[in-house]
N, C-alpha and C. Protein backbone atom coordinates (compact mmCIF):
# COMPACT_ATOMS: atom_id res chain seq x y z
N MET A 1 -32.43 -63.84 -47.73
CA MET A 1 -33.45 -64.95 -48.14
C MET A 1 -32.77 -66.19 -48.49
N GLU A 2 -33.08 -67.22 -48.40
CA GLU A 2 -32.52 -68.55 -48.62
C GLU A 2 -32.67 -68.63 -49.99
N HIS A 3 -31.82 -69.30 -50.82
CA HIS A 3 -31.64 -69.54 -52.22
C HIS A 3 -32.94 -70.98 -52.37
N PRO A 4 -33.69 -71.00 -53.24
CA PRO A 4 -34.53 -72.16 -53.12
C PRO A 4 -33.87 -73.56 -53.26
N MET A 5 -32.59 -73.53 -53.88
CA MET A 5 -32.11 -74.84 -53.89
C MET A 5 -30.83 -74.94 -53.07
N GLU A 6 -30.68 -74.09 -52.20
CA GLU A 6 -29.59 -74.57 -51.15
C GLU A 6 -30.40 -75.19 -49.92
N HIS A 7 -29.40 -75.96 -49.36
CA HIS A 7 -29.77 -76.75 -48.39
C HIS A 7 -29.57 -75.91 -47.09
N PRO A 8 -30.45 -75.49 -46.24
CA PRO A 8 -30.15 -74.67 -45.23
C PRO A 8 -29.02 -74.81 -44.09
N LYS A 9 -29.24 -76.07 -43.74
CA LYS A 9 -27.98 -76.54 -42.94
C LYS A 9 -26.78 -76.63 -43.44
N ALA A 10 -26.74 -77.00 -44.76
CA ALA A 10 -25.39 -77.19 -45.43
C ALA A 10 -24.72 -75.65 -45.59
N ALA A 11 -25.54 -74.70 -45.88
CA ALA A 11 -25.11 -73.24 -46.00
C ALA A 11 -24.48 -72.86 -44.82
N ARG A 12 -25.09 -73.42 -43.56
CA ARG A 12 -24.08 -72.60 -42.33
C ARG A 12 -22.93 -73.33 -42.06
N ILE A 13 -22.67 -74.43 -42.39
CA ILE A 13 -21.43 -75.40 -41.98
C ILE A 13 -20.05 -74.65 -42.46
N ALA A 14 -19.07 -74.48 -41.72
CA ALA A 14 -18.10 -73.58 -42.08
C ALA A 14 -16.72 -74.65 -42.18
N SER A 15 -16.60 -75.98 -41.91
CA SER A 15 -15.55 -76.62 -41.81
C SER A 15 -15.83 -78.06 -42.48
N PHE A 16 -14.64 -78.74 -43.12
CA PHE A 16 -15.13 -79.73 -43.84
C PHE A 16 -15.38 -81.07 -42.72
N ASP A 17 -14.54 -80.84 -41.68
CA ASP A 17 -14.78 -82.06 -40.58
C ASP A 17 -16.10 -81.84 -39.88
N GLU A 18 -16.93 -80.65 -40.05
CA GLU A 18 -18.13 -80.74 -39.56
C GLU A 18 -19.17 -80.95 -40.80
N PHE A 19 -18.67 -80.55 -41.90
CA PHE A 19 -19.54 -80.96 -43.15
C PHE A 19 -19.80 -82.45 -43.56
N TYR A 20 -18.68 -83.28 -43.39
CA TYR A 20 -18.79 -84.69 -43.80
C TYR A 20 -19.64 -85.33 -43.17
N PRO A 21 -19.70 -85.50 -41.70
CA PRO A 21 -20.77 -86.26 -41.12
C PRO A 21 -22.25 -85.90 -41.45
N PHE A 22 -22.34 -84.60 -41.68
CA PHE A 22 -23.66 -84.16 -42.28
C PHE A 22 -23.95 -84.62 -43.58
N TYR A 23 -22.96 -84.55 -44.64
CA TYR A 23 -23.07 -85.34 -46.02
C TYR A 23 -23.54 -86.65 -45.78
N LEU A 24 -22.72 -87.48 -44.91
CA LEU A 24 -23.35 -88.73 -44.84
C LEU A 24 -24.82 -88.95 -44.55
N THR A 25 -25.29 -88.10 -43.78
CA THR A 25 -26.57 -88.11 -43.34
C THR A 25 -27.51 -87.88 -44.61
N GLN A 26 -27.13 -87.15 -45.45
CA GLN A 26 -27.74 -86.87 -46.73
C GLN A 26 -27.59 -87.98 -47.79
N HIS A 27 -26.85 -89.05 -47.47
CA HIS A 27 -26.68 -90.17 -48.30
C HIS A 27 -27.03 -91.56 -47.44
N ALA A 28 -28.19 -91.36 -46.65
CA ALA A 28 -28.45 -92.64 -45.94
C ALA A 28 -29.04 -93.52 -46.69
N ASP A 29 -29.64 -93.32 -47.71
CA ASP A 29 -30.42 -94.38 -48.84
C ASP A 29 -29.28 -94.95 -49.59
N ARG A 30 -29.19 -96.43 -49.50
CA ARG A 30 -28.09 -97.20 -49.99
C ARG A 30 -28.22 -97.04 -51.63
N THR A 31 -29.24 -96.67 -52.34
CA THR A 31 -29.38 -96.58 -53.74
C THR A 31 -28.96 -95.31 -54.00
N CYS A 32 -28.98 -94.28 -53.19
CA CYS A 32 -28.64 -92.95 -53.43
C CYS A 32 -27.07 -93.08 -53.55
N ARG A 33 -26.55 -93.55 -52.73
CA ARG A 33 -24.97 -93.93 -52.56
C ARG A 33 -24.45 -94.76 -53.79
N ARG A 34 -25.19 -95.64 -54.15
CA ARG A 34 -25.15 -96.54 -55.30
C ARG A 34 -25.12 -95.66 -56.58
N ALA A 35 -26.08 -94.88 -56.52
CA ALA A 35 -26.17 -93.93 -57.96
C ALA A 35 -24.73 -92.93 -58.03
N HIS A 36 -24.49 -92.36 -56.59
CA HIS A 36 -23.03 -91.66 -56.59
C HIS A 36 -22.20 -92.34 -57.06
N PHE A 37 -22.00 -93.58 -56.63
CA PHE A 37 -20.90 -94.53 -56.92
C PHE A 37 -20.66 -94.74 -58.46
N ILE A 38 -21.88 -94.93 -58.94
CA ILE A 38 -21.99 -95.21 -60.53
C ILE A 38 -21.51 -94.02 -61.37
N GLY A 39 -22.05 -92.89 -60.92
CA GLY A 39 -21.70 -91.61 -61.56
C GLY A 39 -20.54 -91.29 -61.60
N SER A 40 -19.72 -91.57 -60.40
CA SER A 40 -18.52 -91.14 -60.17
C SER A 40 -17.59 -91.93 -60.83
N SER A 41 -17.78 -93.34 -61.05
CA SER A 41 -17.14 -94.23 -61.72
C SER A 41 -17.24 -93.94 -63.33
N MET A 42 -18.48 -93.65 -63.76
CA MET A 42 -18.52 -93.33 -65.20
C MET A 42 -17.59 -91.74 -65.55
N ALA A 43 -17.60 -91.07 -64.36
CA ALA A 43 -17.05 -89.73 -64.79
C ALA A 43 -15.57 -90.10 -64.62
N LEU A 44 -15.04 -91.06 -63.86
CA LEU A 44 -13.64 -91.37 -63.96
C LEU A 44 -13.26 -91.99 -65.37
N ALA A 45 -14.15 -92.68 -65.88
CA ALA A 45 -14.11 -93.59 -67.18
C ALA A 45 -13.91 -92.34 -68.33
N CYS A 46 -14.88 -91.28 -68.22
CA CYS A 46 -15.06 -90.19 -69.07
C CYS A 46 -13.51 -89.50 -69.27
N ILE A 47 -13.04 -89.07 -68.11
CA ILE A 47 -11.70 -88.36 -67.74
C ILE A 47 -10.54 -89.42 -68.40
N ALA A 48 -10.77 -90.59 -68.35
CA ALA A 48 -9.64 -91.30 -68.97
C ALA A 48 -9.71 -91.39 -70.39
N MET A 49 -10.98 -91.42 -70.72
CA MET A 49 -11.17 -91.28 -72.46
C MET A 49 -10.62 -89.96 -72.99
N ALA A 50 -11.03 -88.89 -72.33
CA ALA A 50 -10.46 -87.49 -72.67
C ALA A 50 -8.86 -87.50 -72.61
N LEU A 51 -8.27 -88.22 -71.68
CA LEU A 51 -6.71 -88.29 -71.74
C LEU A 51 -6.24 -89.06 -72.91
N LEU A 52 -6.91 -90.21 -73.15
CA LEU A 52 -6.52 -91.34 -74.14
C LEU A 52 -6.80 -90.75 -75.61
N THR A 53 -8.05 -90.07 -75.82
CA THR A 53 -8.26 -89.63 -77.13
C THR A 53 -7.99 -88.21 -77.32
N GLY A 54 -7.76 -87.48 -76.39
CA GLY A 54 -7.55 -86.08 -76.47
C GLY A 54 -8.68 -85.03 -77.07
N ARG A 55 -9.83 -85.77 -76.61
CA ARG A 55 -10.92 -85.14 -77.02
C ARG A 55 -11.72 -84.50 -75.77
N PRO A 56 -11.72 -83.08 -75.80
CA PRO A 56 -12.07 -82.35 -74.30
C PRO A 56 -13.47 -82.57 -74.30
N TRP A 57 -14.28 -82.92 -75.13
CA TRP A 57 -15.56 -83.21 -74.67
C TRP A 57 -16.26 -84.38 -73.91
N TRP A 58 -15.16 -85.37 -73.68
CA TRP A 58 -15.33 -86.25 -72.56
C TRP A 58 -15.37 -85.62 -71.50
N LEU A 59 -14.70 -84.43 -71.18
CA LEU A 59 -14.76 -83.73 -69.70
C LEU A 59 -16.16 -83.18 -69.44
N ALA A 60 -16.67 -82.98 -70.56
CA ALA A 60 -18.33 -82.45 -70.40
C ALA A 60 -18.98 -83.68 -70.09
N ALA A 61 -18.74 -84.78 -70.70
CA ALA A 61 -19.45 -86.10 -70.37
C ALA A 61 -19.01 -86.39 -68.92
N ALA A 62 -18.25 -86.18 -68.44
CA ALA A 62 -17.59 -86.50 -67.08
C ALA A 62 -18.35 -85.74 -66.08
N LEU A 63 -18.60 -84.60 -66.29
CA LEU A 63 -19.38 -83.85 -65.38
C LEU A 63 -20.76 -84.12 -65.63
N LEU A 64 -21.32 -84.58 -66.65
CA LEU A 64 -22.65 -84.97 -66.66
C LEU A 64 -22.81 -86.31 -66.12
N ALA A 65 -21.97 -87.14 -66.29
CA ALA A 65 -22.13 -88.41 -65.75
C ALA A 65 -22.10 -88.19 -64.05
N GLY A 66 -21.01 -87.45 -63.48
CA GLY A 66 -20.81 -87.35 -62.02
C GLY A 66 -22.11 -86.79 -61.67
N TYR A 67 -22.63 -85.70 -62.03
CA TYR A 67 -23.59 -84.96 -61.32
C TYR A 67 -25.10 -85.88 -61.75
N GLY A 68 -25.24 -86.40 -62.77
CA GLY A 68 -26.27 -86.87 -63.13
C GLY A 68 -26.51 -88.29 -62.18
N GLY A 69 -25.46 -89.03 -62.04
CA GLY A 69 -25.59 -90.10 -60.93
C GLY A 69 -26.16 -89.39 -59.39
N ALA A 70 -25.45 -88.36 -59.25
CA ALA A 70 -25.82 -87.93 -57.94
C ALA A 70 -27.00 -87.27 -57.78
N TRP A 71 -27.57 -86.61 -58.82
CA TRP A 71 -28.69 -85.85 -58.71
C TRP A 71 -29.92 -87.04 -59.04
N ILE A 72 -29.78 -87.95 -59.60
CA ILE A 72 -30.51 -89.13 -59.76
C ILE A 72 -30.96 -89.71 -58.45
N GLY A 73 -29.84 -89.94 -57.66
CA GLY A 73 -29.90 -90.44 -56.37
C GLY A 73 -30.53 -89.72 -55.31
N HIS A 74 -30.60 -88.19 -55.43
CA HIS A 74 -30.89 -87.52 -54.36
C HIS A 74 -32.47 -87.18 -54.80
N PHE A 75 -32.85 -87.00 -56.03
CA PHE A 75 -34.23 -86.59 -56.42
C PHE A 75 -35.19 -87.76 -56.24
N PHE A 76 -34.63 -89.01 -56.93
CA PHE A 76 -35.54 -90.10 -57.00
C PHE A 76 -35.42 -91.04 -55.65
N TYR A 77 -34.24 -91.40 -54.86
CA TYR A 77 -34.20 -92.13 -54.05
C TYR A 77 -34.09 -91.59 -52.54
N GLU A 78 -33.18 -90.64 -52.32
CA GLU A 78 -32.98 -89.93 -50.99
C GLU A 78 -33.96 -88.81 -50.75
N HIS A 79 -34.65 -88.19 -51.93
CA HIS A 79 -35.59 -87.14 -51.72
C HIS A 79 -35.18 -86.08 -50.91
N ASN A 80 -34.12 -85.48 -51.25
CA ASN A 80 -33.47 -84.18 -50.53
C ASN A 80 -32.78 -83.64 -51.64
N ARG A 81 -32.33 -82.37 -51.35
CA ARG A 81 -31.61 -81.49 -52.29
C ARG A 81 -30.09 -81.81 -51.98
N PRO A 82 -29.33 -82.00 -53.18
CA PRO A 82 -27.75 -82.16 -53.10
C PRO A 82 -27.44 -81.12 -52.27
N ALA A 83 -26.36 -81.34 -51.37
CA ALA A 83 -25.41 -80.52 -50.65
C ALA A 83 -24.58 -79.48 -51.48
N SER A 84 -24.64 -80.06 -52.61
CA SER A 84 -23.49 -79.39 -53.36
C SER A 84 -23.93 -77.90 -53.96
N PHE A 85 -25.34 -77.98 -54.03
CA PHE A 85 -26.21 -76.46 -54.29
C PHE A 85 -25.54 -75.47 -53.15
N ALA A 86 -25.34 -75.92 -52.02
CA ALA A 86 -24.94 -74.89 -51.18
C ALA A 86 -23.33 -74.92 -50.69
N GLN A 87 -22.79 -76.17 -50.83
CA GLN A 87 -21.39 -76.31 -50.34
C GLN A 87 -20.71 -77.13 -51.61
N PRO A 88 -20.45 -76.30 -52.84
CA PRO A 88 -20.03 -77.32 -53.81
C PRO A 88 -18.52 -77.74 -53.62
N TRP A 89 -17.68 -77.11 -53.25
CA TRP A 89 -16.19 -77.65 -52.72
C TRP A 89 -16.44 -78.81 -51.88
N PHE A 90 -16.94 -78.50 -50.72
CA PHE A 90 -17.04 -79.59 -49.64
C PHE A 90 -17.81 -80.80 -50.28
N SER A 91 -18.70 -80.55 -51.08
CA SER A 91 -19.50 -81.99 -51.40
C SER A 91 -18.54 -82.65 -52.28
N LEU A 92 -17.91 -81.80 -53.17
CA LEU A 92 -16.90 -82.41 -54.11
C LEU A 92 -16.06 -83.34 -53.63
N ARG A 93 -15.17 -82.85 -52.45
CA ARG A 93 -14.28 -83.38 -51.68
C ARG A 93 -15.00 -84.66 -50.97
N ALA A 94 -16.36 -84.37 -50.20
CA ALA A 94 -16.87 -85.52 -49.58
C ALA A 94 -17.38 -86.71 -50.53
N ASP A 95 -17.71 -86.35 -51.73
CA ASP A 95 -17.97 -87.49 -52.72
C ASP A 95 -17.23 -88.50 -52.61
N TRP A 96 -15.68 -87.87 -53.16
CA TRP A 96 -14.70 -88.56 -53.31
C TRP A 96 -14.22 -89.59 -52.28
N ILE A 97 -14.54 -88.70 -51.15
CA ILE A 97 -14.17 -89.61 -49.97
C ILE A 97 -15.08 -90.68 -49.66
N MET A 98 -16.54 -90.48 -49.91
CA MET A 98 -17.41 -91.66 -49.85
C MET A 98 -17.43 -92.55 -50.87
N TYR A 99 -16.74 -92.16 -52.11
CA TYR A 99 -16.55 -93.08 -53.10
C TYR A 99 -15.49 -94.04 -52.56
N TRP A 100 -14.32 -93.49 -51.98
CA TRP A 100 -13.12 -94.45 -51.47
C TRP A 100 -13.44 -95.36 -50.51
N GLN A 101 -14.52 -94.94 -49.43
CA GLN A 101 -15.20 -95.64 -48.40
C GLN A 101 -15.88 -96.62 -48.98
N MET A 102 -16.63 -96.54 -49.83
CA MET A 102 -17.48 -97.58 -50.58
C MET A 102 -16.58 -98.61 -51.28
N LEU A 103 -15.60 -97.96 -51.93
CA LEU A 103 -14.76 -99.03 -52.76
C LEU A 103 -13.98 -99.66 -51.84
N THR A 104 -13.49 -99.45 -50.76
CA THR A 104 -12.63 -100.19 -49.58
C THR A 104 -13.29 -100.77 -48.59
N GLY A 105 -14.97 -100.54 -48.70
CA GLY A 105 -15.81 -101.37 -47.76
C GLY A 105 -15.89 -100.82 -46.50
N LYS A 106 -15.28 -99.54 -46.19
CA LYS A 106 -15.66 -98.95 -45.10
C LYS A 106 -17.07 -98.17 -45.09
N LEU A 107 -17.83 -98.02 -46.07
CA LEU A 107 -19.05 -97.57 -46.03
C LEU A 107 -20.03 -98.66 -46.91
N SER A 108 -21.13 -99.02 -46.18
CA SER A 108 -21.71 -99.96 -47.09
C SER A 108 -22.40 -99.60 -48.59
N TRP A 109 -22.40 -100.61 -49.51
CA TRP A 109 -23.11 -100.26 -50.50
C TRP A 109 -24.91 -100.33 -50.32
């Protein structure tokens, strides 16, 4: 039986090369991608603060910022379930590739 929070197609994908094109289809809405980008940027800032201050609670803030941005994008704009529920490691890698592609102009804002 499928877990209620899993994305059925994402759960069947076995390779990252197959996963990333699917991942992009789950981020077709530009506002969703923007929410991801903002959340990831805030997560990077929190990680930097953890390193600069030596306060590990910033790492928890990084997780909250990163996932918060992504989940806001999916639940309020894209209206789909995050693929991270079914493929957490592929999704983490894909998120940073998408982030870089947005940052470098290879993927539209």
